[in-house]
Protein backbone atom coordinates (compact mmCIF):
# COMPACT_ATOMS: atom_id res chain seq x y z
CA MET A 1 3.72 7.10 -24.90
CA ARG A 2 6.82 6.51 -22.88
CA HIS A 3 7.40 5.86 -19.20
CA PHE A 4 9.19 8.80 -17.60
CA GLY A 5 8.50 10.76 -20.78
CA HIS A 6 7.28 13.59 -18.54
CA LEU A 7 10.83 14.06 -17.25
CA PRO A 8 13.17 16.50 -19.02
CA ASP A 9 15.64 14.91 -21.45
CA GLU A 10 18.51 15.91 -19.18
CA ALA A 11 16.98 14.10 -16.23
CA ARG A 12 16.39 10.89 -18.19
CA THR A 13 19.96 10.96 -19.50
CA ARG A 14 21.25 11.36 -15.95
CA LEU A 15 19.07 8.61 -14.48
CA PHE A 16 18.98 5.87 -17.10
CA HIS A 17 21.59 3.49 -18.44
CA GLN A 18 18.93 2.36 -20.96
CA GLN A 19 15.98 4.66 -21.41
CA PRO A 20 12.38 3.39 -21.66
CA VAL A 21 11.21 2.84 -25.22
CA GLU A 22 8.23 4.55 -26.77
CA PHE A 23 5.09 2.49 -27.34
CA THR A 24 1.63 3.04 -28.76
CA VAL A 25 -1.79 1.44 -28.52
CA ASP A 26 -0.74 -0.56 -31.60
CA SER A 27 2.28 -2.11 -29.85
CA PRO A 28 2.22 -5.88 -29.23
CA ALA A 29 -0.11 -6.96 -26.42
CA ARG A 30 2.80 -8.47 -24.53
CA THR A 31 4.48 -5.05 -24.42
CA LEU A 32 1.30 -3.21 -23.45
CA ALA A 33 0.53 -5.65 -20.63
CA VAL A 34 3.83 -4.81 -18.93
CA ALA A 35 3.66 -1.13 -19.86
CA LEU A 36 0.32 -0.64 -18.05
CA GLY A 37 2.29 0.18 -14.92
CA ALA A 38 0.24 2.09 -12.36
CA THR A 39 -3.29 2.00 -13.76
CA LEU A 40 -5.14 4.99 -12.35
CA TYR A 41 -8.87 4.56 -11.72
CA SER A 42 -11.28 7.49 -11.95
CA PRO A 43 -15.07 7.63 -11.51
CA ALA A 44 -16.76 8.24 -14.86
CA THR A 45 -18.87 10.94 -13.24
CA ARG A 46 -16.09 13.52 -13.01
CA PRO A 47 -17.29 16.65 -14.84
CA ALA A 48 -13.81 17.63 -16.09
CA LEU A 49 -12.72 14.09 -16.96
CA ALA A 50 -11.12 15.07 -20.28
CA ASP A 51 -8.98 17.70 -18.56
CA ASP A 52 -8.10 15.22 -15.80
CA ILE A 53 -6.89 12.67 -18.35
CA VAL A 54 -4.67 15.20 -20.11
CA LYS A 55 -3.33 16.41 -16.76
CA GLN A 56 -2.46 12.93 -15.53
CA ALA A 57 -0.82 12.05 -18.85
CA GLY A 58 1.46 15.04 -18.30
CA ARG A 59 2.39 13.62 -14.91
CA GLY A 60 3.47 10.22 -16.19
CA VAL A 61 0.25 8.17 -16.16
CA VAL A 62 0.12 5.77 -19.14
CA SER A 63 -3.05 3.79 -18.33
CA MET A 64 -6.39 4.82 -16.84
CA VAL A 65 -9.68 3.09 -16.07
CA LEU A 66 -12.84 5.19 -16.19
CA CYS A 67 -15.23 3.44 -13.85
CA LEU A 68 -18.96 2.87 -14.24
CA GLU A 69 -19.06 0.17 -11.58
CA ASP A 70 -18.44 0.20 -7.83
CA SER A 71 -16.96 3.71 -7.67
CA ILE A 72 -20.31 5.33 -8.51
CA HIS A 73 -23.85 5.04 -7.13
CA ASP A 74 -26.31 2.86 -9.02
CA ALA A 75 -28.49 5.88 -9.76
CA GLU A 76 -25.54 7.72 -11.35
CA VAL A 77 -24.92 5.20 -14.13
CA PRO A 78 -26.99 6.81 -16.94
CA GLY A 79 -25.46 10.23 -16.28
CA ALA A 80 -21.98 8.73 -16.06
CA GLU A 81 -22.42 7.04 -19.45
CA GLU A 82 -23.48 10.33 -21.01
CA ASN A 83 -20.53 12.06 -19.39
CA LEU A 84 -18.11 9.46 -20.78
CA VAL A 85 -19.39 9.92 -24.32
CA ARG A 86 -19.19 13.70 -23.96
CA GLN A 87 -15.66 13.64 -22.49
CA PHE A 88 -14.33 11.20 -25.11
CA THR A 89 -15.78 13.38 -27.85
CA ASP A 90 -14.08 16.41 -26.28
CA LEU A 91 -10.75 14.57 -26.15
CA ALA A 92 -11.07 13.34 -29.73
CA GLY A 93 -11.46 16.93 -30.89
CA ARG A 94 -8.23 18.08 -29.24
CA GLY A 95 -5.91 16.14 -31.55
CA LEU A 96 -3.88 14.70 -28.66
CA ASP A 97 -4.31 11.02 -29.54
CA THR A 98 -0.63 10.08 -29.25
CA GLU A 99 -0.23 11.95 -25.94
CA LEU A 100 -3.08 10.26 -24.08
CA PRO A 101 -2.85 7.23 -21.76
CA LEU A 102 -4.31 3.84 -22.64
CA LEU A 103 -7.97 4.35 -21.71
CA PHE A 104 -10.28 1.58 -20.49
CA ILE A 105 -13.89 1.67 -19.32
CA ARG A 106 -14.99 -0.47 -16.39
CA VAL A 107 -18.52 -1.58 -17.15
CA ARG A 108 -21.26 -3.28 -15.13
CA THR A 109 -22.98 -5.35 -17.83
CA PRO A 110 -22.09 -6.83 -21.23
CA GLU A 111 -24.78 -4.69 -22.85
CA GLN A 112 -22.92 -1.53 -21.84
CA ILE A 113 -19.96 -2.51 -24.03
CA VAL A 114 -21.94 -2.61 -27.27
CA ASP A 115 -23.96 0.47 -26.36
CA LEU A 116 -20.96 2.61 -25.39
CA VAL A 117 -18.92 1.68 -28.45
CA ARG A 118 -21.86 2.65 -30.65
CA ARG A 119 -22.40 5.95 -28.83
CA LEU A 120 -18.71 6.88 -28.85
CA GLY A 121 -18.65 6.87 -32.65
CA PRO A 122 -15.37 8.29 -34.05
CA ALA A 123 -14.08 8.92 -30.50
CA VAL A 124 -13.84 5.14 -30.00
CA ARG A 125 -10.36 5.38 -31.50
CA LEU A 126 -9.20 6.68 -28.08
CA LEU A 127 -10.48 3.58 -26.31
CA SER A 128 -8.13 0.67 -25.57
CA GLY A 129 -10.71 -1.68 -24.09
CA PHE A 130 -12.91 -2.61 -21.16
CA VAL A 131 -12.43 -3.81 -17.60
CA LEU A 132 -14.76 -6.72 -16.82
CA PRO A 133 -15.90 -6.97 -13.17
CA LYS A 134 -16.41 -10.05 -11.00
CA PHE A 135 -15.10 -12.29 -13.73
CA THR A 136 -15.78 -16.02 -13.71
CA GLU A 137 -16.16 -18.54 -16.54
CA GLU A 138 -19.96 -18.23 -16.54
CA ARG A 139 -20.12 -14.44 -16.20
CA GLY A 140 -17.11 -13.76 -18.42
CA VAL A 141 -18.34 -15.25 -21.70
CA PRO A 142 -21.13 -12.68 -22.27
CA PHE A 143 -18.69 -9.83 -21.64
CA LEU A 144 -16.11 -11.18 -24.08
CA GLU A 145 -18.71 -11.95 -26.74
CA ALA A 146 -20.07 -8.42 -26.34
CA LEU A 147 -16.56 -7.07 -26.89
CA ILE A 148 -16.29 -8.93 -30.18
CA SER A 149 -19.78 -7.90 -31.20
CA ALA A 150 -19.01 -4.25 -30.48
CA GLU A 151 -16.35 -4.20 -33.18
CA SER A 152 -18.95 -4.04 -35.92
CA HIS A 153 -18.60 -2.35 -39.29
CA GLU A 154 -19.87 0.83 -37.62
CA VAL A 155 -16.57 1.39 -35.80
CA ALA A 156 -14.22 -0.78 -37.87
CA GLU A 157 -12.91 2.21 -39.79
CA GLU A 158 -12.06 4.09 -36.58
CA LEU A 159 -10.31 1.11 -35.00
CA GLY A 160 -8.52 -0.05 -38.16
CA ASP A 161 -6.67 -3.29 -37.49
CA ARG A 162 -6.66 -2.70 -33.75
CA ARG A 163 -8.74 -4.79 -31.36
CA LEU A 164 -10.32 -3.66 -28.13
CA TYR A 165 -8.78 -5.44 -25.15
CA ALA A 166 -10.38 -6.96 -22.07
CA MET A 167 -9.00 -6.81 -18.54
CA PRO A 168 -11.00 -9.23 -16.36
CA VAL A 169 -11.09 -8.49 -12.64
CA LEU A 170 -10.75 -11.52 -10.38
CA GLU A 171 -12.80 -10.54 -7.33
CA SER A 172 -15.71 -12.94 -6.91
CA PRO A 173 -16.47 -14.67 -3.57
CA GLU A 174 -15.92 -18.03 -5.27
CA LEU A 175 -12.21 -17.18 -5.36
CA MET A 176 -12.06 -16.48 -1.64
CA HIS A 177 -13.95 -19.61 -0.66
CA ARG A 178 -11.46 -22.47 -0.45
CA GLU A 179 -13.91 -25.17 -1.58
CA THR A 180 -14.71 -23.39 -4.88
CA ARG A 181 -11.44 -21.64 -5.66
CA THR A 182 -9.67 -24.29 -7.70
CA GLU A 183 -12.60 -24.97 -10.03
CA THR A 184 -13.33 -21.24 -10.35
CA LEU A 185 -9.72 -20.55 -11.39
CA ALA A 186 -9.75 -23.51 -13.76
CA GLY A 187 -12.91 -22.14 -15.38
CA ILE A 188 -11.42 -18.67 -15.69
CA GLY A 189 -8.33 -20.26 -17.20
CA ARG A 190 -10.41 -22.03 -19.83
CA ILE A 191 -12.24 -18.91 -20.93
CA VAL A 192 -9.29 -16.49 -20.97
CA ASP A 193 -7.27 -19.03 -22.93
CA LYS A 194 -10.08 -19.32 -25.48
CA TYR A 195 -10.13 -15.52 -25.88
CA ARG A 196 -6.39 -15.10 -25.32
CA GLU A 197 -5.89 -12.52 -28.08
CA ARG A 198 -8.44 -10.28 -26.34
CA VAL A 199 -7.17 -10.52 -22.76
CA LEU A 200 -4.48 -7.94 -22.06
CA ALA A 201 -4.05 -8.62 -18.33
CA LEU A 202 -5.84 -10.05 -15.32
CA ARG A 203 -6.54 -7.65 -12.47
CA LEU A 204 -6.96 -8.58 -8.80
CA GLY A 205 -9.92 -7.01 -6.99
CA VAL A 206 -8.67 -7.39 -3.45
CA THR A 207 -11.19 -4.97 -1.91
CA ASP A 208 -14.08 -7.13 -3.13
CA LEU A 209 -12.27 -10.30 -2.06
CA CYS A 210 -11.89 -8.92 1.45
CA SER A 211 -15.56 -8.00 1.58
CA ALA A 212 -16.51 -11.69 1.52
CA TYR A 213 -15.11 -11.94 5.07
CA GLY A 214 -15.61 -8.38 6.29
CA LEU A 215 -11.86 -7.68 6.15
CA ARG A 216 -9.88 -4.51 5.47
CA ARG A 217 -6.13 -4.21 5.80
CA ALA A 218 -4.64 -1.34 7.80
CA PRO A 219 -2.23 1.16 6.19
CA ASP A 220 0.77 -0.38 7.93
CA MET A 221 -0.07 -3.83 6.55
CA THR A 222 0.10 -5.16 3.01
CA ALA A 223 -2.25 -7.47 1.16
CA TYR A 224 0.25 -10.24 1.88
CA ASP A 225 -0.24 -9.83 5.64
CA VAL A 226 -3.91 -10.82 5.21
CA GLN A 227 -3.52 -14.56 4.84
CA LEU A 228 -6.87 -15.17 3.15
CA VAL A 229 -5.95 -12.64 0.46
CA ALA A 230 -2.36 -13.82 0.16
CA SER A 231 -3.54 -17.37 -0.47
CA VAL A 232 -5.79 -16.18 -3.31
CA ILE A 233 -2.96 -14.19 -4.91
CA GLY A 234 -0.69 -17.22 -4.70
CA ASP A 235 -3.26 -19.48 -6.33
CA VAL A 236 -4.09 -16.96 -9.09
CA VAL A 237 -0.43 -16.66 -10.05
CA ASN A 238 0.04 -20.42 -9.71
CA MET A 239 -2.76 -21.26 -12.14
CA LEU A 240 -2.95 -18.18 -14.41
CA GLY A 241 0.42 -16.43 -14.24
CA ARG A 242 2.90 -19.13 -15.22
CA ALA A 243 6.04 -18.23 -17.14
CA ASP A 244 5.82 -21.18 -19.52
CA GLY A 245 3.85 -19.34 -22.21
CA THR A 246 0.43 -20.36 -20.89
CA GLY A 247 0.15 -17.58 -18.32
CA PHE A 248 -1.11 -13.99 -18.34
CA THR A 249 0.13 -10.76 -16.83
CA VAL A 250 -1.48 -10.42 -13.39
CA THR A 251 -1.53 -6.90 -11.93
CA GLY A 252 -1.05 -5.88 -8.32
CA PRO A 253 -3.96 -5.03 -5.98
CA VAL A 254 -5.11 -1.53 -5.13
CA TRP A 255 -3.57 0.45 -2.26
CA GLU A 256 -6.44 2.23 -0.52
CA TYR A 257 -4.67 4.87 1.57
CA PHE A 258 -3.27 8.29 0.72
CA LYS A 259 -3.37 10.30 3.94
CA GLN A 260 -1.84 9.77 7.36
CA HIS A 261 -3.50 7.37 9.78
CA GLU A 262 -2.67 6.40 13.34
CA ARG A 263 0.23 3.96 13.39
CA MET A 264 0.71 0.87 15.50
CA PHE A 265 4.02 -0.32 13.99
CA LYS A 266 7.31 1.27 13.03
CA PRO A 267 7.81 2.88 9.60
CA GLN A 268 8.99 0.39 6.99
CA LEU A 269 11.60 2.56 5.23
CA ARG A 270 15.24 2.31 6.28
CA LEU A 271 17.23 5.50 6.76
CA SER A 272 20.28 4.64 4.64
CA PRO A 273 18.74 4.90 1.12
CA PHE A 274 17.36 8.35 2.04
CA SER A 275 20.51 9.89 3.49
CA GLY A 276 21.43 13.48 2.73
CA ARG A 277 19.03 15.56 0.68
CA ALA A 278 16.55 12.68 0.44
CA GLU A 279 15.82 12.60 4.19
CA SER A 280 12.84 14.92 3.71
CA LEU A 281 11.46 12.57 1.02
CA ARG A 282 11.50 9.67 3.50
CA ALA A 283 9.65 11.77 6.07
CA ALA A 284 7.03 12.77 3.50
CA LEU A 285 6.50 9.17 2.37
CA ILE A 286 6.01 7.98 5.94
CA GLU A 287 3.73 10.90 6.74
CA HIS A 288 1.37 9.86 3.94
CA ASP A 289 1.52 6.12 4.68
CA MET A 290 3.45 5.49 1.48
CA ASP A 291 5.99 3.22 3.14
CA GLY A 292 3.31 0.53 3.27
CA LEU A 293 2.62 1.02 -0.43
CA LEU A 294 6.32 0.72 -1.28
CA ARG A 295 6.59 -2.54 0.63
CA GLU A 296 3.50 -3.92 -1.09
CA ILE A 297 4.89 -3.02 -4.53
CA GLU A 298 8.04 -4.97 -3.73
CA LEU A 299 5.98 -7.92 -2.52
CA ASP A 300 3.85 -7.74 -5.66
CA ARG A 301 6.94 -8.28 -7.79
CA ALA A 302 8.29 -11.01 -5.53
CA ASN A 303 4.97 -12.84 -5.95
CA GLY A 304 4.83 -12.59 -9.75
CA LEU A 305 2.62 -9.52 -10.22
CA GLN A 306 3.31 -6.55 -12.49
CA GLY A 307 1.95 -3.03 -12.31
CA LYS A 308 -0.75 -2.00 -9.85
CA THR A 309 -4.27 -0.67 -9.59
CA CYS A 310 -4.16 2.90 -8.21
CA ILE A 311 -6.95 5.08 -6.88
CA HIS A 312 -4.86 8.20 -6.19
CA PRO A 313 -2.38 10.04 -8.44
CA THR A 314 0.27 10.09 -5.69
CA HIS A 315 0.59 6.30 -6.00
CA VAL A 316 1.71 6.39 -9.64
CA ALA A 317 5.29 7.64 -9.20
CA PRO A 318 6.25 4.99 -6.58
CA VAL A 319 4.88 2.17 -8.74
CA HIS A 320 6.80 3.36 -11.78
CA ALA A 321 10.02 4.12 -9.89
CA LEU A 322 10.06 0.61 -8.45
CA SER A 323 9.34 -0.85 -11.89
CA VAL A 324 12.61 0.44 -13.33
CA VAL A 325 15.16 -2.36 -13.68
CA SER A 326 18.27 -1.79 -11.61
CA HIS A 327 21.65 -1.93 -13.29
CA GLU A 328 22.46 -5.04 -11.24
CA GLU A 329 19.27 -6.85 -12.34
CA PHE A 330 19.96 -5.90 -15.95
CA SER A 331 23.53 -7.14 -15.75
CA ASP A 332 22.43 -10.49 -14.32
CA ALA A 333 19.66 -10.92 -16.92
CA VAL A 334 21.96 -10.15 -19.84
CA ASP A 335 24.59 -12.58 -18.57
CA ILE A 336 22.03 -15.35 -18.11
CA LEU A 337 20.64 -14.92 -21.62
CA GLU A 338 23.97 -14.87 -23.46
CA PRO A 339 23.60 -17.24 -26.46
CA GLU A 340 26.65 -19.27 -25.55
CA ARG A 341 25.04 -20.15 -22.21
CA CYS A 342 21.91 -21.76 -23.64
CA GLY A 343 23.22 -25.12 -22.48
CA GLY A 344 23.01 -24.08 -18.84
CA GLY A 345 25.59 -23.81 -16.11
CA VAL A 346 26.31 -21.57 -13.15
CA LEU A 347 28.19 -18.26 -13.14
CA ARG A 348 29.11 -15.64 -10.64
CA SER A 349 27.26 -12.36 -11.13
CA ALA A 350 29.12 -9.35 -12.48
CA TYR A 351 28.46 -7.70 -9.12
CA THR A 352 30.18 -10.72 -7.48
CA ASN A 353 27.44 -11.02 -4.86
CA LYS A 354 25.29 -13.91 -6.05
CA MET A 355 25.06 -17.07 -8.14
CA ASN A 356 23.27 -16.94 -11.50
CA GLU A 357 22.09 -20.38 -12.55
CA VAL A 358 21.30 -20.18 -16.26
CA LYS A 359 18.41 -22.61 -16.70
CA PRO A 360 16.42 -21.92 -13.50
CA HIS A 361 16.88 -18.15 -13.81
CA ARG A 362 16.14 -17.92 -17.53
CA ALA A 363 12.41 -17.10 -17.22
CA TRP A 364 13.22 -14.42 -14.63
CA ALA A 365 15.83 -12.93 -16.95
CA GLU A 366 13.42 -12.81 -19.89
CA ARG A 367 10.78 -11.05 -17.80
CA THR A 368 13.38 -8.65 -16.45
CA LEU A 369 14.51 -7.60 -19.94
CA GLN A 370 10.89 -7.18 -21.01
CA ARG A 371 10.37 -4.82 -18.06
CA ALA A 372 13.64 -3.08 -18.88
CA GLU A 373 12.35 -2.32 -22.36
CA VAL A 374 9.31 -0.37 -21.18
CA PHE A 375 10.55 1.03 -17.85
CA GLY A 376 14.24 1.41 -18.62
CA VAL A 377 17.41 0.48 -16.76
CA ALA A 378 18.81 2.75 -14.05
CA ARG A 379 22.42 3.83 -14.17
CA GLU A 380 24.76 1.92 -11.92
CA ASP A 381 24.85 4.66 -9.28
CA VAL A 382 21.14 5.58 -9.45
CA SER A 383 18.74 4.21 -6.85
CA PHE A 384 14.98 3.99 -6.59
CA VAL A 385 15.07 7.04 -4.31
CA GLU A 386 16.55 9.23 -7.05
CA LEU A 387 14.04 7.97 -9.63
CA LEU A 388 11.14 8.68 -7.28
CA ALA A 389 12.47 12.09 -6.28
CA ALA A 390 12.87 13.14 -9.91
CA SER A 391 9.33 12.01 -10.74
CA LEU A 392 7.83 13.80 -7.75
CA ARG A 393 9.67 17.02 -8.55
CA THR A 394 8.23 16.97 -12.05
CA VAL A 395 4.71 16.22 -10.78
CA ARG A 396 4.82 19.14 -8.35
CA THR A 397 5.78 21.57 -11.14
CA ALA A 398 3.28 20.19 -13.69
């Protein structure tokens, strides 16, 4: 797998100062956590799920969640499980292992983990792990123990040395309620630290969080405009996303909209980045309410989140385009991390437009270079608009 691997070689050469590296399911967890990018969710009931997965891989998707939980009706669960086993078996027979995204299953109960791994048989080699809903300390332990139990001798040969990962979803009402939030987060911290080698990333279930108060954000507002949600995000990152080696990758919340809705406020995209041939791209993004998504992606990064949960394929390209490290960011990060500057100090940026303070900015620089490894570094004269336009052109012709 490789971000922007669906682009022609010529396009990547033109766009990137440093191209994204290739990675596999066997890459270090730290790399995979950042490389998740836009994680596309799909109901496990889709009859052509195997074909959908191959199609989305060809359009640049590198991680998918096949959902047995809230996206399907309770009565559909048995049929959805059967469909998953059938579709995984189909995929395993195509010989496309290295071309497929990282695949996760979102389960409802711990028992489903053991049962599905057993039923998948040899096709389990295509599975990267499970998404664990409504995760708290009390509810999380059975899920994580089931994950370990599932890796029995029956599937050990198919998995080899690889472990199945967990991605807990933080979405319980206890997180929204101010009086229980701190202890709930502390409990989650205890359990994910205990099973640290299993936890790939923590996901935010903002839709469920909003449901505790009957809230839903409009398409011209971001999750950060809903103060109850913003306070939860801040506390999750504060307690579980620290950059001191104790934290985890926390992914951005889902964007629910993909078609035009009535607007109350002005579009959030400036004209200047879209001048010339890109003017039509700006109009299309606004028409489909994508300007709100773009703003939320930027706010995700500003608030310490990486990647994003996506429920529509059109959301993938914007997430990935905005994940590419700019040439200016890369230049600053490299300067800050120069070995001779380990003692600290202040220096003017190579772009002569800011101060880089070595010690305070070191953690930012390390995270930036980690993102640069998997998403690449844009050329000095290449903007987000050009990266997005190139991705969208390729998607339309795929």
